[in-house]
Amino acid sequence: MKTISSTDAKARLNAVLAEVEKTGQSITITSHGRPIAVVSPVAPMPRQFGQFPRMEAPDDFDAPLPDGELGAWEPTS
């Protein structure tokens, strides 16, 4: 997580907000090296699938397959 000082945050607030919106990543604001606040996006960014910017992967994309479906991938003897 990126951190910035409260002085920088005050001077660049609009840029900080734009960065949080664009990247979806939170930014920690510090005062004298101590974390004071976290600026985070209101809604999480949708998960993207590889290099396809308009294709979204479901939240359970990498969940284990159900037993019935998993069996279809097992070799038969």
PDB file of N, CA and C in Angstrom:
ATOM      1  N   MET A   1       0.846  -1.168   0.000  1.00  0.00           N
ATOM      2  CA  MET A   1       0.000   0.000   0.000  1.00  0.00           C
ATOM      3  C   MET A   1       0.898   1.240   0.000  1.00  0.00           C
ATOM      4  N   LYS A   2       0.567   2.179  -0.829  1.00  0.00           N
ATOM      5  CA  LYS A   2       1.345   3.405  -0.959  1.00  0.00           C
ATOM      6  C   LYS A   2       1.080   4.298   0.259  1.00  0.00           C
ATOM      7  N   THR A   3       2.105   5.032   0.694  1.00  0.00           N
ATOM      8  CA  THR A   3       1.942   5.980   1.794  1.00  0.00           C
ATOM      9  C   THR A   3       2.438   7.358   1.361  1.00  0.00           C
ATOM     10  N   ILE A   4       1.787   8.386   1.899  1.00  0.00           N
ATOM     11  CA  ILE A   4       2.229   9.765   1.680  1.00  0.00           C
ATOM     12  C   ILE A   4       2.075  10.527   2.978  1.00  0.00           C
ATOM     13  N   SER A   5       2.829  11.602   3.123  1.00  0.00           N
ATOM     14  CA  SER A   5       2.741  12.413   4.338  1.00  0.00           C
ATOM     15  C   SER A   5       1.481  13.274   4.291  1.00  0.00           C
ATOM     16  N   SER A   6       1.042  13.710   5.442  1.00  0.00           N
ATOM     17  CA  SER A   6      -0.148  14.561   5.500  1.00  0.00           C
ATOM     18  C   SER A   6       0.095  15.879   4.768  1.00  0.00           C
ATOM     19  N   THR A   7       1.334  16.369   4.783  1.00  0.00           N
ATOM     20  CA  THR A   7       1.661  17.596   4.060  1.00  0.00           C
ATOM     21  C   THR A   7       1.486  17.392   2.560  1.00  0.00           C
ATOM     22  N   ASP A   8       1.994  16.273   2.038  1.00  0.00           N
ATOM     23  CA  ASP A   8       1.819  15.972   0.614  1.00  0.00           C
ATOM     24  C   ASP A   8       0.351  15.759   0.272  1.00  0.00           C
ATOM     25  N   ALA A   9      -0.366  15.068   1.144  1.00  0.00           N
ATOM     26  CA  ALA A   9      -1.786  14.807   0.892  1.00  0.00           C
ATOM     27  C   ALA A   9      -2.573  16.112   0.818  1.00  0.00           C
ATOM     28  N   LYS A  10      -2.242  17.037   1.695  1.00  0.00           N
ATOM     29  CA  LYS A  10      -2.930  18.335   1.698  1.00  0.00           C
ATOM     30  C   LYS A  10      -2.635  19.106   0.414  1.00  0.00           C
ATOM     31  N   ALA A  11      -1.378  19.084  -0.015  1.00  0.00           N
ATOM     32  CA  ALA A  11      -0.976  19.835  -1.210  1.00  0.00           C
ATOM     33  C   ALA A  11      -1.492  19.197  -2.503  1.00  0.00           C
ATOM     34  N   ARG A  12      -1.675  17.860  -2.490  1.00  0.00           N
ATOM     35  CA  ARG A  12      -2.048  17.148  -3.713  1.00  0.00           C
ATOM     36  C   ARG A  12      -3.348  16.352  -3.565  1.00  0.00           C
ATOM     37  N   LEU A  13      -4.285  16.831  -2.776  1.00  0.00           N
ATOM     38  CA  LEU A  13      -5.479  16.050  -2.477  1.00  0.00           C
ATOM     39  C   LEU A  13      -6.214  15.595  -3.736  1.00  0.00           C
ATOM     40  N   ASN A  14      -6.425  16.494  -4.696  1.00  0.00           N
ATOM     41  CA  ASN A  14      -7.138  16.094  -5.914  1.00  0.00           C
ATOM     42  C   ASN A  14      -6.390  15.005  -6.667  1.00  0.00           C
ATOM     43  N   ALA A  15      -5.070  15.089  -6.729  1.00  0.00           N
ATOM     44  CA  ALA A  15      -4.268  14.066  -7.408  1.00  0.00           C
ATOM     45  C   ALA A  15      -4.329  12.745  -6.644  1.00  0.00           C
ATOM     46  N   VAL A  16      -4.315  12.802  -5.332  1.00  0.00           N
ATOM     47  CA  VAL A  16      -4.409  11.589  -4.506  1.00  0.00           C
ATOM     48  C   VAL A  16      -5.757  10.908  -4.746  1.00  0.00           C
ATOM     49  N   LEU A  17      -6.834  11.685  -4.742  1.00  0.00           N
ATOM     50  CA  LEU A  17      -8.166  11.124  -4.978  1.00  0.00           C
ATOM     51  C   LEU A  17      -8.268  10.516  -6.376  1.00  0.00           C
ATOM     52  N   ALA A  18      -7.703  11.194  -7.363  1.00  0.00           N
ATOM     53  CA  ALA A  18      -7.734  10.683  -8.733  1.00  0.00           C
ATOM     54  C   ALA A  18      -6.962   9.367  -8.840  1.00  0.00           C
ATOM     55  N   GLU A  19      -5.839   9.265  -8.150  1.00  0.00           N
ATOM     56  CA  GLU A  19      -5.040   8.041  -8.178  1.00  0.00           C
ATOM     57  C   GLU A  19      -5.799   6.869  -7.543  1.00  0.00           C
ATOM     58  N   VAL A  20      -6.452   7.136  -6.410  1.00  0.00           N
ATOM     59  CA  VAL A  20      -7.232   6.095  -5.745  1.00  0.00           C
ATOM     60  C   VAL A  20      -8.367   5.624  -6.653  1.00  0.00           C
ATOM     61  N   GLU A  21      -9.021   6.572  -7.313  1.00  0.00           N
ATOM     62  CA  GLU A  21     -10.116   6.217  -8.215  1.00  0.00           C
ATOM     63  C   GLU A  21      -9.610   5.409  -9.410  1.00  0.00           C
ATOM     64  N   LYS A  22      -8.486   5.841  -9.988  1.00  0.00           N
ATOM     65  CA  LYS A  22      -7.956   5.197 -11.194  1.00  0.00           C
ATOM     66  C   LYS A  22      -7.408   3.800 -10.912  1.00  0.00           C
ATOM     67  N   THR A  23      -6.649   3.661  -9.835  1.00  0.00           N
ATOM     68  CA  THR A  23      -5.976   2.387  -9.557  1.00  0.00           C
ATOM     69  C   THR A  23      -6.798   1.435  -8.699  1.00  0.00           C
ATOM     70  N   GLY A  24      -7.729   1.985  -7.912  1.00  0.00           N
ATOM     71  CA  GLY A  24      -8.496   1.148  -6.994  1.00  0.00           C
ATOM     72  C   GLY A  24      -7.696   0.758  -5.760  1.00  0.00           C
ATOM     73  N   GLN A  25      -6.490   1.298  -5.618  1.00  0.00           N
ATOM     74  CA  GLN A  25      -5.622   0.989  -4.485  1.00  0.00           C
ATOM     75  C   GLN A  25      -5.739   2.052  -3.401  1.00  0.00           C
ATOM     76  N   SER A  26      -5.705   1.632  -2.148  1.00  0.00           N
ATOM     77  CA  SER A  26      -5.766   2.561  -1.022  1.00  0.00           C
ATOM     78  C   SER A  26      -4.424   3.254  -0.825  1.00  0.00           C
ATOM     79  N   ILE A  27      -4.467   4.438  -0.233  1.00  0.00           N
ATOM     80  CA  ILE A  27      -3.261   5.191   0.094  1.00  0.00           C
ATOM     81  C   ILE A  27      -3.326   5.554   1.575  1.00  0.00           C
ATOM     82  N   THR A  28      -2.237   5.279   2.298  1.00  0.00           N
ATOM     83  CA  THR A  28      -2.163   5.602   3.718  1.00  0.00           C
ATOM     84  C   THR A  28      -1.536   6.978   3.886  1.00  0.00           C
ATOM     85  N   ILE A  29      -2.163   7.814   4.700  1.00  0.00           N
ATOM     86  CA  ILE A  29      -1.632   9.140   5.004  1.00  0.00           C
ATOM     87  C   ILE A  29      -0.955   9.068   6.365  1.00  0.00           C
ATOM     88  N   THR A  30       0.289   9.574   6.417  1.00  0.00           N
ATOM     89  CA  THR A  30       1.064   9.518   7.653  1.00  0.00           C
ATOM     90  C   THR A  30       1.321  10.911   8.206  1.00  0.00           C
ATOM     91  N   SER A  31       1.564  10.944   9.492  1.00  0.00           N
ATOM     92  CA  SER A  31       1.976  12.183  10.160  1.00  0.00           C
ATOM     93  C   SER A  31       3.197  11.838  11.004  1.00  0.00           C
ATOM     94  N   HIS A  32       4.317  12.452  10.695  1.00  0.00           N
ATOM     95  CA  HIS A  32       5.583  12.177  11.374  1.00  0.00           C
ATOM     96  C   HIS A  32       5.906  10.685  11.332  1.00  0.00           C
ATOM     97  N   GLY A  33       5.602  10.048  10.175  1.00  0.00           N
ATOM     98  CA  GLY A  33       5.927   8.641   9.982  1.00  0.00           C
ATOM     99  C   GLY A  33       4.915   7.654  10.538  1.00  0.00           C
ATOM    100  N   ARG A  34       3.910   8.129  11.247  1.00  0.00           N
ATOM    101  CA  ARG A  34       2.886   7.240  11.813  1.00  0.00           C
ATOM    102  C   ARG A  34       1.650   7.236  10.931  1.00  0.00           C
ATOM    103  N   PRO A  35       1.098   6.068  10.619  1.00  0.00           N
ATOM    104  CA  PRO A  35      -0.138   6.010   9.823  1.00  0.00           C
ATOM    105  C   PRO A  35      -1.288   6.679  10.581  1.00  0.00           C
ATOM    106  N   ILE A  36      -1.994   7.572   9.902  1.00  0.00           N
ATOM    107  CA  ILE A  36      -3.094   8.310  10.520  1.00  0.00           C
ATOM    108  C   ILE A  36      -4.434   7.964   9.866  1.00  0.00           C
ATOM    109  N   ALA A  37      -4.451   7.871   8.548  1.00  0.00           N
ATOM    110  CA  ALA A  37      -5.702   7.634   7.825  1.00  0.00           C
ATOM    111  C   ALA A  37      -5.418   6.850   6.552  1.00  0.00           C
ATOM    112  N   VAL A  38      -6.476   6.246   6.023  1.00  0.00           N
ATOM    113  CA  VAL A  38      -6.386   5.519   4.759  1.00  0.00           C
ATOM    114  C   VAL A  38      -7.450   6.072   3.821  1.00  0.00           C
ATOM    115  N   VAL A  39      -7.019   6.465   2.624  1.00  0.00           N
ATOM    116  CA  VAL A  39      -7.953   6.891   1.577  1.00  0.00           C
ATOM    117  C   VAL A  39      -8.142   5.674   0.690  1.00  0.00           C
ATOM    118  N   SER A  40      -9.394   5.212   0.592  1.00  0.00           N
ATOM    119  CA  SER A  40      -9.657   4.015  -0.204  1.00  0.00           C
ATOM    120  C   SER A  40     -10.860   4.243  -1.107  1.00  0.00           C
ATOM    121  N   PRO A  41     -10.963   3.480  -2.193  1.00  0.00           N
ATOM    122  CA  PRO A  41     -12.087   3.654  -3.103  1.00  0.00           C
ATOM    123  C   PRO A  41     -13.401   3.253  -2.429  1.00  0.00           C
ATOM    124  N   VAL A  42     -14.479   3.899  -2.853  1.00  0.00           N
ATOM    125  CA  VAL A  42     -15.792   3.600  -2.289  1.00  0.00           C
ATOM    126  C   VAL A  42     -16.220   2.196  -2.670  1.00  0.00           C
ATOM    127  N   ALA A  43     -16.050   1.840  -3.933  1.00  0.00           N
ATOM    128  CA  ALA A  43     -16.423   0.512  -4.416  1.00  0.00           C
ATOM    129  C   ALA A  43     -15.180  -0.165  -4.973  1.00  0.00           C
ATOM    130  N   PRO A  44     -15.008  -1.453  -4.685  1.00  0.00           N
ATOM    131  CA  PRO A  44     -13.837  -2.140  -5.232  1.00  0.00           C
ATOM    132  C   PRO A  44     -13.917  -2.211  -6.753  1.00  0.00           C
ATOM    133  N   MET A  45     -12.757  -2.163  -7.383  1.00  0.00           N
ATOM    134  CA  MET A  45     -12.711  -2.268  -8.838  1.00  0.00           C
ATOM    135  C   MET A  45     -13.003  -3.707  -9.232  1.00  0.00           C
ATOM    136  N   PRO A  46     -13.744  -3.907 -10.328  1.00  0.00           N
ATOM    137  CA  PRO A  46     -14.008  -5.275 -10.766  1.00  0.00           C
ATOM    138  C   PRO A  46     -12.718  -5.969 -11.177  1.00  0.00           C
ATOM    139  N   ARG A  47     -12.670  -7.242 -10.939  1.00  0.00           N
ATOM    140  CA  ARG A  47     -11.490  -8.037 -11.273  1.00  0.00           C
ATOM    141  C   ARG A  47     -11.423  -8.223 -12.783  1.00  0.00           C
ATOM    142  N   GLN A  48     -10.279  -7.909 -13.363  1.00  0.00           N
ATOM    143  CA  GLN A  48     -10.109  -8.059 -14.807  1.00  0.00           C
ATOM    144  C   GLN A  48      -9.455  -9.395 -15.118  1.00  0.00           C
ATOM    145  N   PHE A  49      -9.790  -9.920 -16.282  1.00  0.00           N
ATOM    146  CA  PHE A  49      -9.249 -11.190 -16.720  1.00  0.00           C
ATOM    147  C   PHE A  49      -8.123 -10.933 -17.710  1.00  0.00           C
ATOM    148  N   GLY A  50      -6.891 -11.124 -17.276  1.00  0.00           N
ATOM    149  CA  GLY A  50      -5.735 -10.960 -18.148  1.00  0.00           C
ATOM    150  C   GLY A  50      -5.646  -9.577 -18.766  1.00  0.00           C
ATOM    151  N   GLN A  51      -5.442  -9.529 -20.055  1.00  0.00           N
ATOM    152  CA  GLN A  51      -5.250  -8.276 -20.772  1.00  0.00           C
ATOM    153  C   GLN A  51      -6.529  -7.780 -21.449  1.00  0.00           C
ATOM    154  N   PHE A  52      -7.661  -8.369 -21.107  1.00  0.00           N
ATOM    155  CA  PHE A  52      -8.927  -7.982 -21.713  1.00  0.00           C
ATOM    156  C   PHE A  52      -9.633  -6.985 -20.797  1.00  0.00           C
ATOM    157  N   PRO A  53      -9.543  -5.683 -21.067  1.00  0.00           N
ATOM    158  CA  PRO A  53     -10.052  -4.678 -20.134  1.00  0.00           C
ATOM    159  C   PRO A  53     -11.563  -4.717 -19.923  1.00  0.00           C
ATOM    160  N   ARG A  54     -12.322  -5.242 -20.875  1.00  0.00           N
ATOM    161  CA  ARG A  54     -13.778  -5.248 -20.716  1.00  0.00           C
ATOM    162  C   ARG A  54     -14.320  -6.587 -20.227  1.00  0.00           C
ATOM    163  N   MET A  55     -13.451  -7.563 -20.103  1.00  0.00           N
ATOM    164  CA  MET A  55     -13.882  -8.888 -19.659  1.00  0.00           C
ATOM    165  C   MET A  55     -13.620  -9.011 -18.162  1.00  0.00           C
ATOM    166  N   GLU A  56     -14.666  -9.265 -17.408  1.00  0.00           N
ATOM    167  CA  GLU A  56     -14.528  -9.383 -15.964  1.00  0.00           C
ATOM    168  C   GLU A  56     -14.604 -10.844 -15.545  1.00  0.00           C
ATOM    169  N   ALA A  57     -13.732 -11.220 -14.628  1.00  0.00           N
ATOM    170  CA  ALA A  57     -13.746 -12.579 -14.095  1.00  0.00           C
ATOM    171  C   ALA A  57     -14.621 -12.585 -12.844  1.00  0.00           C
ATOM    172  N   PRO A  58     -15.452 -13.620 -12.675  1.00  0.00           N
ATOM    173  CA  PRO A  58     -16.278 -13.680 -11.470  1.00  0.00           C
ATOM    174  C   PRO A  58     -15.411 -13.857 -10.233  1.00  0.00           C
ATOM    175  N   ASP A  59     -15.950 -13.500  -9.080  1.00  0.00           N
ATOM    176  CA  ASP A  59     -15.189 -13.600  -7.824  1.00  0.00           C
ATOM    177  C   ASP A  59     -14.738 -15.033  -7.536  1.00  0.00           C
ATOM    178  N   ASP A  60     -15.505 -16.021  -7.980  1.00  0.00           N
ATOM    179  CA  ASP A  60     -15.150 -17.416  -7.702  1.00  0.00           C
ATOM    180  C   ASP A  60     -14.374 -18.067  -8.851  1.00  0.00           C
ATOM    181  N   PHE A  61     -13.769 -17.275  -9.706  1.00  0.00           N
ATOM    182  CA  PHE A  61     -13.054 -17.773 -10.888  1.00  0.00           C
ATOM    183  C   PHE A  61     -12.021 -18.836 -10.541  1.00  0.00           C
ATOM    184  N   ASP A  62     -11.276 -18.628  -9.473  1.00  0.00           N
ATOM    185  CA  ASP A  62     -10.216 -19.564  -9.129  1.00  0.00           C
ATOM    186  C   ASP A  62     -10.580 -20.472  -7.957  1.00  0.00           C
ATOM    187  N   ALA A  63     -11.879 -20.617  -7.694  1.00  0.00           N
ATOM    188  CA  ALA A  63     -12.339 -21.527  -6.646  1.00  0.00           C
ATOM    189  C   ALA A  63     -12.213 -22.970  -7.149  1.00  0.00           C
ATOM    190  N   PRO A  64     -12.069 -23.913  -6.232  1.00  0.00           N
ATOM    191  CA  PRO A  64     -11.990 -25.319  -6.657  1.00  0.00           C
ATOM    192  C   PRO A  64     -13.264 -25.748  -7.391  1.00  0.00           C
ATOM    193  N   LEU A  65     -13.106 -26.664  -8.343  1.00  0.00           N
ATOM    194  CA  LEU A  65     -14.252 -27.192  -9.079  1.00  0.00           C
ATOM    195  C   LEU A  65     -15.086 -28.094  -8.163  1.00  0.00           C
ATOM    196  N   PRO A  66     -16.387 -28.157  -8.401  1.00  0.00           N
ATOM    197  CA  PRO A  66     -17.206 -29.109  -7.644  1.00  0.00           C
ATOM    198  C   PRO A  66     -16.740 -30.536  -7.929  1.00  0.00           C
ATOM    199  N   ASP A  67     -16.973 -31.454  -6.983  1.00  0.00           N
ATOM    200  CA  ASP A  67     -16.494 -32.838  -7.122  1.00  0.00           C
ATOM    201  C   ASP A  67     -16.953 -33.484  -8.426  1.00  0.00           C
ATOM    202  N   GLY A  68     -18.215 -33.287  -8.807  1.00  0.00           N
ATOM    203  CA  GLY A  68     -18.723 -33.895 -10.026  1.00  0.00           C
ATOM    204  C   GLY A  68     -17.991 -33.405 -11.263  1.00  0.00           C
ATOM    205  N   GLU A  69     -17.690 -32.141 -11.301  1.00  0.00           N
ATOM    206  CA  GLU A  69     -16.985 -31.578 -12.447  1.00  0.00           C
ATOM    207  C   GLU A  69     -15.507 -31.945 -12.407  1.00  0.00           C
ATOM    208  N   LEU A  70     -14.950 -31.992 -11.232  1.00  0.00           N
ATOM    209  CA  LEU A  70     -13.534 -32.334 -11.073  1.00  0.00           C
ATOM    210  C   LEU A  70     -13.269 -33.746 -11.557  1.00  0.00           C
ATOM    211  N   GLY A  71     -14.225 -34.654 -11.321  1.00  0.00           N
ATOM    212  CA  GLY A  71     -14.075 -36.054 -11.745  1.00  0.00           C
ATOM    213  C   GLY A  71     -13.936 -36.191 -13.249  1.00  0.00           C
ATOM    214  N   ALA A  72     -14.560 -35.288 -14.000  1.00  0.00           N
ATOM    215  CA  ALA A  72     -14.478 -35.349 -15.456  1.00  0.00           C
ATOM    216  C   ALA A  72     -13.061 -35.075 -15.959  1.00  0.00           C
ATOM    217  N   TRP A  73     -12.237 -34.460 -15.154  1.00  0.00           N
ATOM    218  CA  TRP A  73     -10.867 -34.134 -15.551  1.00  0.00           C
ATOM    219  C   TRP A  73      -9.867 -35.211 -15.116  1.00  0.00           C
ATOM    220  N   GLU A  74     -10.325 -36.149 -14.311  1.00  0.00           N
ATOM    221  CA  GLU A  74      -9.442 -37.212 -13.834  1.00  0.00           C
ATOM    222  C   GLU A  74      -9.266 -38.270 -14.919  1.00  0.00           C
ATOM    223  N   PRO A  75      -8.081 -38.834 -15.071  1.00  0.00           N
ATOM    224  CA  PRO A  75      -7.884 -39.880 -16.080  1.00  0.00           C
ATOM    225  C   PRO A  75      -8.669 -41.133 -15.714  1.00  0.00           C
ATOM    226  N   THR A  76      -9.168 -41.809 -16.727  1.00  0.00           N
ATOM    227  CA  THR A  76      -9.862 -43.072 -16.490  1.00  0.00           C
ATOM    228  C   THR A  76      -8.904 -44.210 -16.739  1.00  0.00           C
ATOM    229  N   SER A  77      -9.039 -45.271 -15.967  1.00  0.00           N
ATOM    230  CA  SER A  77      -8.114 -46.392 -16.157  1.00  0.00           C
ATOM    231  C   SER A  77      -8.711 -47.466 -17.006  1.00  0.00           C
TER     232      SER A  77
END
